[in-house]
């Protein structure tokens, strides 16, 4: 992934949130990676840096936004937003963090 690839501005973020989120719940996951990233960033903001979370805790947070917590959890790992060691998860701080 290129450093600037997942950067987006506030206007783009608001458009994505308006299109895919209703009453704080994700209606559908966008196909476009950059749009998905906006939603992942929204969810990962619920986790503090340097804190280790159990899988159940992570699932509970994700379920508030989207029923398919496995997909979201996997996407957060793939996008480098969180790291996993067995059933322990930790939010990663990225140099190009939008939040």
N, C-alpha and C. Protein backbone atom coordinates (compact mmCIF):
# COMPACT_ATOMS: atom_id res chain seq x y z
N UNK A 1 0.85 -1.17 0.00
CA UNK A 1 0.00 0.00 0.00
C UNK A 1 0.89 1.23 0.00
N UNK A 2 0.55 2.19 -0.85
CA UNK A 2 1.30 3.43 -0.90
C UNK A 2 0.89 4.32 0.26
N UNK A 3 1.80 5.16 0.74
CA UNK A 3 1.55 5.99 1.92
C UNK A 3 0.32 6.88 1.74
N UNK A 4 0.13 7.45 0.57
CA UNK A 4 -0.99 8.37 0.36
C UNK A 4 -2.27 7.68 -0.09
N UNK A 5 -2.21 6.39 -0.34
CA UNK A 5 -3.32 5.67 -0.95
C UNK A 5 -4.61 5.76 -0.13
N UNK A 6 -4.53 5.70 1.18
CA UNK A 6 -5.73 5.67 2.00
C UNK A 6 -6.06 7.01 2.64
N UNK A 7 -5.38 8.07 2.25
CA UNK A 7 -5.72 9.38 2.77
C UNK A 7 -6.98 9.89 2.09
N UNK A 8 -7.79 10.58 2.85
CA UNK A 8 -9.01 11.17 2.29
C UNK A 8 -9.32 12.43 3.08
N UNK A 9 -10.09 13.30 2.45
CA UNK A 9 -10.42 14.55 3.13
C UNK A 9 -11.78 14.43 3.82
N UNK A 10 -12.13 15.46 4.57
CA UNK A 10 -13.36 15.46 5.35
C UNK A 10 -14.61 15.38 4.46
N UNK A 11 -14.57 16.03 3.31
CA UNK A 11 -15.72 16.01 2.39
C UNK A 11 -15.97 14.58 1.91
N UNK A 12 -14.91 13.88 1.50
CA UNK A 12 -15.03 12.50 1.07
C UNK A 12 -15.58 11.63 2.20
N UNK A 13 -15.03 11.80 3.39
CA UNK A 13 -15.46 11.04 4.56
C UNK A 13 -16.96 11.23 4.81
N UNK A 14 -17.41 12.47 4.80
CA UNK A 14 -18.83 12.75 5.06
C UNK A 14 -19.74 12.14 4.00
N UNK A 15 -19.31 12.17 2.74
CA UNK A 15 -20.09 11.57 1.66
C UNK A 15 -20.22 10.05 1.86
N UNK A 16 -19.12 9.42 2.23
CA UNK A 16 -19.14 7.97 2.45
C UNK A 16 -20.03 7.63 3.64
N UNK A 17 -19.87 8.36 4.73
CA UNK A 17 -20.69 8.09 5.91
C UNK A 17 -22.17 8.28 5.62
N UNK A 18 -22.49 9.32 4.86
CA UNK A 18 -23.89 9.58 4.51
C UNK A 18 -24.46 8.45 3.65
N UNK A 19 -23.65 7.93 2.74
CA UNK A 19 -24.11 6.89 1.82
C UNK A 19 -24.21 5.51 2.47
N UNK A 20 -23.35 5.21 3.44
CA UNK A 20 -23.26 3.84 3.94
C UNK A 20 -23.64 3.65 5.41
N UNK A 21 -23.90 4.75 6.13
CA UNK A 21 -24.22 4.64 7.55
C UNK A 21 -25.56 5.30 7.82
N UNK A 22 -26.41 4.60 8.55
CA UNK A 22 -27.71 5.13 8.93
C UNK A 22 -27.92 4.87 10.42
N UNK A 23 -28.19 5.91 11.17
CA UNK A 23 -28.38 5.80 12.62
C UNK A 23 -27.20 5.10 13.30
N UNK A 24 -26.00 5.38 12.83
CA UNK A 24 -24.79 4.83 13.42
C UNK A 24 -24.48 3.39 13.03
N UNK A 25 -25.28 2.82 12.14
CA UNK A 25 -25.10 1.43 11.73
C UNK A 25 -24.73 1.40 10.24
N UNK A 26 -23.75 0.58 9.91
CA UNK A 26 -23.33 0.43 8.51
C UNK A 26 -24.38 -0.39 7.77
N UNK A 27 -24.92 0.18 6.70
CA UNK A 27 -25.97 -0.49 5.90
C UNK A 27 -25.36 -1.55 5.00
N UNK A 28 -24.20 -1.24 4.43
CA UNK A 28 -23.52 -2.16 3.51
C UNK A 28 -22.06 -1.74 3.44
N UNK A 29 -21.21 -2.69 3.12
CA UNK A 29 -19.79 -2.36 2.95
C UNK A 29 -19.54 -1.99 1.50
N UNK A 30 -18.91 -0.85 1.27
CA UNK A 30 -18.61 -0.46 -0.11
C UNK A 30 -17.56 -1.37 -0.72
N UNK A 31 -17.61 -1.51 -2.02
CA UNK A 31 -16.63 -2.32 -2.73
C UNK A 31 -15.30 -1.57 -2.83
N UNK A 32 -15.36 -0.28 -3.07
CA UNK A 32 -14.14 0.51 -3.23
C UNK A 32 -13.36 0.56 -1.90
N UNK A 33 -12.10 0.20 -1.97
CA UNK A 33 -11.24 0.08 -0.80
C UNK A 33 -11.16 1.38 0.00
N UNK A 34 -11.03 2.50 -0.68
CA UNK A 34 -10.89 3.79 0.00
C UNK A 34 -12.16 4.11 0.80
N UNK A 35 -13.32 3.77 0.27
CA UNK A 35 -14.57 4.00 0.99
C UNK A 35 -14.69 3.05 2.18
N UNK A 36 -14.28 1.82 1.99
CA UNK A 36 -14.30 0.85 3.11
C UNK A 36 -13.42 1.35 4.23
N UNK A 37 -12.30 1.95 3.85
CA UNK A 37 -11.35 2.43 4.86
C UNK A 37 -11.98 3.49 5.75
N UNK A 38 -12.82 4.35 5.19
CA UNK A 38 -13.51 5.36 5.99
C UNK A 38 -14.33 4.68 7.08
N UNK A 39 -15.03 3.61 6.74
CA UNK A 39 -15.85 2.90 7.72
C UNK A 39 -14.99 2.17 8.74
N UNK A 40 -13.91 1.58 8.29
CA UNK A 40 -13.00 0.92 9.23
C UNK A 40 -12.39 1.92 10.21
N UNK A 41 -12.02 3.09 9.70
CA UNK A 41 -11.47 4.14 10.57
C UNK A 41 -12.50 4.56 11.61
N UNK A 42 -13.76 4.63 11.21
CA UNK A 42 -14.82 5.00 12.13
C UNK A 42 -14.91 3.99 13.28
N UNK A 43 -14.82 2.72 12.96
CA UNK A 43 -14.94 1.67 13.97
C UNK A 43 -13.69 1.62 14.85
N UNK A 44 -12.53 1.70 14.24
CA UNK A 44 -11.29 1.52 15.00
C UNK A 44 -11.06 2.66 16.00
N UNK A 45 -11.73 3.79 15.81
CA UNK A 45 -11.62 4.89 16.76
C UNK A 45 -12.15 4.52 18.15
N UNK A 46 -12.89 3.42 18.24
CA UNK A 46 -13.40 2.94 19.53
C UNK A 46 -12.34 2.25 20.37
N UNK A 47 -11.18 2.00 19.79
CA UNK A 47 -10.12 1.30 20.48
C UNK A 47 -8.96 2.26 20.77
N UNK A 48 -8.43 2.18 21.98
CA UNK A 48 -7.32 3.05 22.37
C UNK A 48 -5.99 2.42 21.98
N UNK A 49 -5.02 3.27 21.68
CA UNK A 49 -3.67 2.80 21.38
C UNK A 49 -3.05 2.22 22.65
N UNK A 50 -2.29 1.14 22.48
CA UNK A 50 -1.54 0.56 23.59
C UNK A 50 -2.36 -0.33 24.51
N UNK A 51 -3.63 -0.51 24.24
CA UNK A 51 -4.49 -1.36 25.06
C UNK A 51 -4.72 -2.67 24.31
N UNK A 52 -4.63 -3.78 25.02
CA UNK A 52 -4.90 -5.08 24.42
C UNK A 52 -6.35 -5.45 24.68
N UNK A 53 -7.04 -5.87 23.63
CA UNK A 53 -8.45 -6.23 23.71
C UNK A 53 -8.63 -7.70 23.37
N UNK A 54 -9.51 -8.36 24.08
CA UNK A 54 -9.85 -9.74 23.77
C UNK A 54 -10.75 -9.78 22.53
N UNK A 55 -10.81 -10.92 21.90
CA UNK A 55 -11.61 -11.07 20.69
C UNK A 55 -13.08 -10.74 20.94
N UNK A 56 -13.59 -11.15 22.08
CA UNK A 56 -14.98 -10.86 22.42
C UNK A 56 -15.25 -9.37 22.55
N UNK A 57 -14.30 -8.64 23.12
CA UNK A 57 -14.44 -7.18 23.24
C UNK A 57 -14.47 -6.52 21.87
N UNK A 58 -13.58 -6.97 21.00
CA UNK A 58 -13.51 -6.43 19.64
C UNK A 58 -14.80 -6.73 18.90
N UNK A 59 -15.28 -7.96 19.00
CA UNK A 59 -16.52 -8.35 18.34
C UNK A 59 -17.70 -7.50 18.82
N UNK A 60 -17.78 -7.26 20.13
CA UNK A 60 -18.88 -6.48 20.70
C UNK A 60 -18.90 -5.06 20.15
N UNK A 61 -17.73 -4.45 20.02
CA UNK A 61 -17.65 -3.10 19.47
C UNK A 61 -18.09 -3.10 18.01
N UNK A 62 -17.56 -4.03 17.24
CA UNK A 62 -17.89 -4.09 15.82
C UNK A 62 -19.37 -4.32 15.60
N UNK A 63 -19.99 -5.20 16.40
CA UNK A 63 -21.41 -5.53 16.24
C UNK A 63 -22.31 -4.31 16.42
N UNK A 64 -21.84 -3.29 17.12
CA UNK A 64 -22.64 -2.07 17.25
C UNK A 64 -22.78 -1.37 15.91
N UNK A 65 -21.85 -1.64 14.99
CA UNK A 65 -21.83 -0.99 13.68
C UNK A 65 -22.25 -1.90 12.53
N UNK A 66 -21.91 -3.19 12.64
CA UNK A 66 -22.12 -4.10 11.50
C UNK A 66 -22.21 -5.53 12.02
N UNK A 67 -23.17 -6.30 11.51
CA UNK A 67 -23.39 -7.67 11.99
C UNK A 67 -22.23 -8.62 11.70
N UNK A 68 -21.60 -8.46 10.55
CA UNK A 68 -20.52 -9.37 10.16
C UNK A 68 -19.20 -8.91 10.77
N UNK A 69 -19.07 -9.17 12.07
CA UNK A 69 -17.88 -8.72 12.81
C UNK A 69 -16.61 -9.43 12.34
N UNK A 70 -16.74 -10.65 11.83
CA UNK A 70 -15.54 -11.37 11.36
C UNK A 70 -14.90 -10.65 10.17
N UNK A 71 -15.73 -10.21 9.24
CA UNK A 71 -15.21 -9.50 8.07
C UNK A 71 -14.53 -8.20 8.48
N UNK A 72 -15.18 -7.43 9.35
CA UNK A 72 -14.61 -6.16 9.79
C UNK A 72 -13.31 -6.38 10.54
N UNK A 73 -13.29 -7.35 11.43
CA UNK A 73 -12.07 -7.66 12.20
C UNK A 73 -10.93 -8.01 11.26
N UNK A 74 -11.22 -8.85 10.28
CA UNK A 74 -10.21 -9.27 9.30
C UNK A 74 -9.72 -8.07 8.48
N UNK A 75 -10.65 -7.21 8.08
CA UNK A 75 -10.29 -6.01 7.30
C UNK A 75 -9.39 -5.08 8.12
N UNK A 76 -9.70 -4.92 9.41
CA UNK A 76 -8.87 -4.04 10.25
C UNK A 76 -7.45 -4.57 10.36
N UNK A 77 -7.31 -5.89 10.41
CA UNK A 77 -5.97 -6.50 10.45
C UNK A 77 -5.28 -6.30 9.10
N UNK A 78 -5.98 -6.61 8.01
CA UNK A 78 -5.43 -6.49 6.66
C UNK A 78 -4.98 -5.06 6.36
N UNK A 79 -5.78 -4.09 6.79
CA UNK A 79 -5.45 -2.68 6.54
C UNK A 79 -4.40 -2.13 7.50
N UNK A 80 -3.96 -2.95 8.45
CA UNK A 80 -2.93 -2.51 9.38
C UNK A 80 -3.43 -1.56 10.46
N UNK A 81 -4.73 -1.58 10.71
CA UNK A 81 -5.30 -0.74 11.76
C UNK A 81 -5.19 -1.39 13.13
N UNK A 82 -5.19 -2.73 13.13
CA UNK A 82 -5.04 -3.49 14.37
C UNK A 82 -4.09 -4.65 14.10
N UNK A 83 -3.53 -5.15 15.18
CA UNK A 83 -2.70 -6.34 15.11
C UNK A 83 -3.32 -7.42 15.97
N UNK A 84 -3.05 -8.65 15.64
CA UNK A 84 -3.61 -9.77 16.39
C UNK A 84 -2.52 -10.74 16.77
N UNK A 85 -2.57 -11.19 18.02
CA UNK A 85 -1.71 -12.25 18.51
C UNK A 85 -2.63 -13.24 19.21
N UNK A 86 -2.91 -14.32 18.52
CA UNK A 86 -3.91 -15.30 18.96
C UNK A 86 -5.26 -14.60 19.07
N UNK A 87 -5.85 -14.51 20.24
CA UNK A 87 -7.15 -13.85 20.39
C UNK A 87 -7.02 -12.49 21.07
N UNK A 88 -5.85 -11.88 20.97
CA UNK A 88 -5.60 -10.57 21.55
C UNK A 88 -5.38 -9.56 20.43
N UNK A 89 -6.04 -8.43 20.52
CA UNK A 89 -5.99 -7.40 19.48
C UNK A 89 -5.50 -6.09 20.06
N UNK A 90 -4.77 -5.33 19.23
CA UNK A 90 -4.28 -4.03 19.64
C UNK A 90 -4.34 -3.08 18.45
N UNK A 91 -4.79 -1.86 18.72
CA UNK A 91 -4.85 -0.84 17.67
C UNK A 91 -3.44 -0.35 17.36
N UNK A 92 -3.16 -0.20 16.08
CA UNK A 92 -1.86 0.28 15.64
C UNK A 92 -1.95 1.76 15.28
N UNK A 93 -0.91 2.49 15.57
CA UNK A 93 -0.85 3.90 15.19
C UNK A 93 -0.08 4.00 13.89
N UNK A 94 -0.72 4.61 12.91
CA UNK A 94 -0.13 4.71 11.58
C UNK A 94 0.35 6.13 11.32
N UNK A 95 1.46 6.28 10.61
CA UNK A 95 1.94 7.63 10.30
C UNK A 95 0.97 8.41 9.44
N UNK A 96 0.14 7.73 8.63
CA UNK A 96 -0.83 8.40 7.77
C UNK A 96 -2.25 8.30 8.33
N UNK A 97 -2.35 8.19 9.67
CA UNK A 97 -3.64 8.04 10.34
C UNK A 97 -4.53 9.25 10.04
N UNK A 98 -5.77 8.98 9.58
CA UNK A 98 -6.71 10.03 9.24
C UNK A 98 -7.44 10.56 10.47
N UNK A 99 -7.45 9.78 11.56
CA UNK A 99 -8.21 10.14 12.74
C UNK A 99 -7.47 11.03 13.61
